[in-house]
Amino acid sequence: MAVSLEGEKVIMVPYMEAHVPKYHLWMQDPALLQATGSEPLSLQQEYDMQLSWNQDPLKKTFIVLDKEMVEGKFIHGDSHVEAMVGDVNIYMNDLDDPQLAEIEIMIAEQK
């Protein structure tokens, strides 16, 4: 998915390979693991998960960027790792209603 969504304060960009190291650091935090119901993964497992999320047509992940932290001008397709603050997962699990989705939002960075 090559779509970025820009709001007043945040930009949601597709979860890219360049995001994985910082995402992996977030997911070493026991509080985040507990809050998200996640298990700790190795860095390679995180890379594998990122690829899986990008290939699965029934789920998508966006990385949330804080617009104030974007260095320079926002360019669609750039990872802007410096501005990462969280993620949004979208699950399209209802086969009876393909327009219905479950959304999870995680903000990992404290301001």
Protein backbone atom coordinates (compact mmCIF):
# COMPACT_ATOMS: atom_id res chain seq x y z
CA MET A 1 0.00 0.00 0.00
CA ALA A 2 1.57 3.26 -1.08
CA VAL A 3 -0.80 5.70 0.60
CA SER A 4 0.06 8.34 3.18
CA LEU A 5 -2.69 10.04 5.19
CA GLU A 6 -1.95 13.56 6.40
CA GLY A 7 -3.86 15.21 9.22
CA GLU A 8 -3.42 18.41 11.18
CA LYS A 9 -0.83 16.99 13.62
CA VAL A 10 0.17 13.57 12.32
CA ILE A 11 0.93 11.74 9.10
CA MET A 12 0.30 8.03 8.68
CA VAL A 13 2.71 6.32 6.31
CA PRO A 14 2.99 2.68 5.25
CA TYR A 15 5.12 0.52 7.55
CA MET A 16 8.47 0.34 5.73
CA GLU A 17 11.60 -1.71 6.26
CA ALA A 18 13.40 1.46 7.43
CA HIS A 19 10.95 1.72 10.36
CA VAL A 20 11.73 -1.74 11.76
CA PRO A 21 14.79 -0.93 13.95
CA LYS A 22 12.98 1.86 15.83
CA TYR A 23 9.77 -0.19 16.06
CA HIS A 24 11.84 -3.08 17.44
CA LEU A 25 13.28 -0.77 20.13
CA TRP A 26 9.76 0.27 21.14
CA MET A 27 8.71 -3.34 21.45
CA GLN A 28 11.45 -4.06 24.00
CA ASP A 29 9.47 -1.99 26.53
CA PRO A 30 7.60 -4.37 28.89
CA ALA A 31 4.78 -1.83 29.35
CA LEU A 32 4.19 -1.59 25.58
CA LEU A 33 4.34 -5.37 25.23
CA GLN A 34 1.72 -5.75 27.94
CA ALA A 35 -0.49 -2.96 26.59
CA THR A 36 -0.45 -4.43 23.08
CA GLY A 37 -0.66 -8.08 24.13
CA SER A 38 2.56 -8.73 22.20
CA GLU A 39 5.48 -11.07 22.71
CA PRO A 40 9.07 -9.86 22.34
CA LEU A 41 10.52 -10.65 18.91
CA SER A 42 14.06 -10.70 17.56
CA LEU A 43 15.02 -8.01 15.07
CA GLN A 44 14.84 -10.57 12.24
CA GLN A 45 11.35 -11.60 13.38
CA GLU A 46 10.30 -7.92 13.28
CA TYR A 47 11.57 -7.66 9.69
CA ASP A 48 9.60 -10.80 8.83
CA MET A 49 6.47 -9.35 10.47
CA GLN A 50 6.85 -6.07 8.56
CA LEU A 51 6.98 -8.01 5.30
CA SER A 52 3.97 -10.10 6.34
CA TRP A 53 1.91 -7.00 7.16
CA ASN A 54 2.71 -5.52 3.76
CA GLN A 55 1.73 -8.69 1.90
CA ASP A 56 -1.50 -9.57 3.72
CA PRO A 57 -4.57 -8.11 1.95
CA LEU A 58 -6.67 -8.33 5.15
CA LYS A 59 -4.43 -6.23 7.40
CA LYS A 60 -2.39 -3.07 7.07
CA THR A 61 -0.04 -1.14 9.33
CA PHE A 62 0.69 2.55 9.15
CA ILE A 63 3.43 4.29 11.12
CA VAL A 64 2.28 7.47 12.85
CA LEU A 65 4.59 10.45 12.32
CA ASP A 66 4.45 13.61 14.42
CA LYS A 67 4.39 16.45 11.85
CA GLU A 68 6.39 18.72 14.18
CA MET A 69 9.23 16.15 14.21
CA VAL A 70 9.51 15.67 10.44
CA GLU A 71 12.89 17.01 9.35
CA GLY A 72 12.52 19.19 6.28
CA LYS A 73 9.55 18.80 3.99
CA PHE A 74 7.36 15.69 4.15
CA ILE A 75 7.90 13.61 1.04
CA HIS A 76 5.59 10.67 0.39
CA GLY A 77 7.66 7.50 0.16
CA ASP A 78 10.36 8.68 2.58
CA SER A 79 10.38 6.85 5.92
CA HIS A 80 10.88 9.91 8.19
CA VAL A 81 12.06 7.61 11.02
CA GLU A 82 12.97 10.66 13.11
CA ALA A 83 9.26 11.52 13.43
CA MET A 84 7.92 8.05 14.35
CA VAL A 85 5.65 8.09 17.40
CA GLY A 86 3.42 5.03 17.00
CA ASP A 87 1.46 2.81 14.68
CA VAL A 88 -2.05 2.04 13.48
CA ASN A 89 -3.10 -1.51 12.62
CA ILE A 90 -6.16 -2.14 10.47
CA TYR A 91 -7.77 -5.58 10.31
CA MET A 92 -10.39 -6.36 7.68
CA ASN A 93 -11.71 -9.55 9.29
CA ASP A 94 -15.43 -9.41 8.57
CA LEU A 95 -15.96 -11.47 5.42
CA ASP A 96 -19.67 -10.55 5.41
CA ASP A 97 -18.92 -6.82 5.37
CA PRO A 98 -15.67 -5.99 3.56
CA GLN A 99 -16.09 -2.30 4.45
CA LEU A 100 -15.92 -3.05 8.19
CA ALA A 101 -12.51 -3.00 9.90
CA GLU A 102 -11.01 -3.16 13.38
CA ILE A 103 -8.44 -0.46 14.13
CA GLU A 104 -5.75 -0.48 16.83
CA ILE A 105 -3.70 2.60 17.64
CA MET A 106 -0.43 2.51 19.60
CA ILE A 107 1.43 5.66 20.60
CA ALA A 108 4.87 4.53 21.75
CA GLU A 109 6.64 7.87 22.21
CA GLN A 110 5.86 10.13 25.13
CA LYS A 111 6.01 13.86 24.59
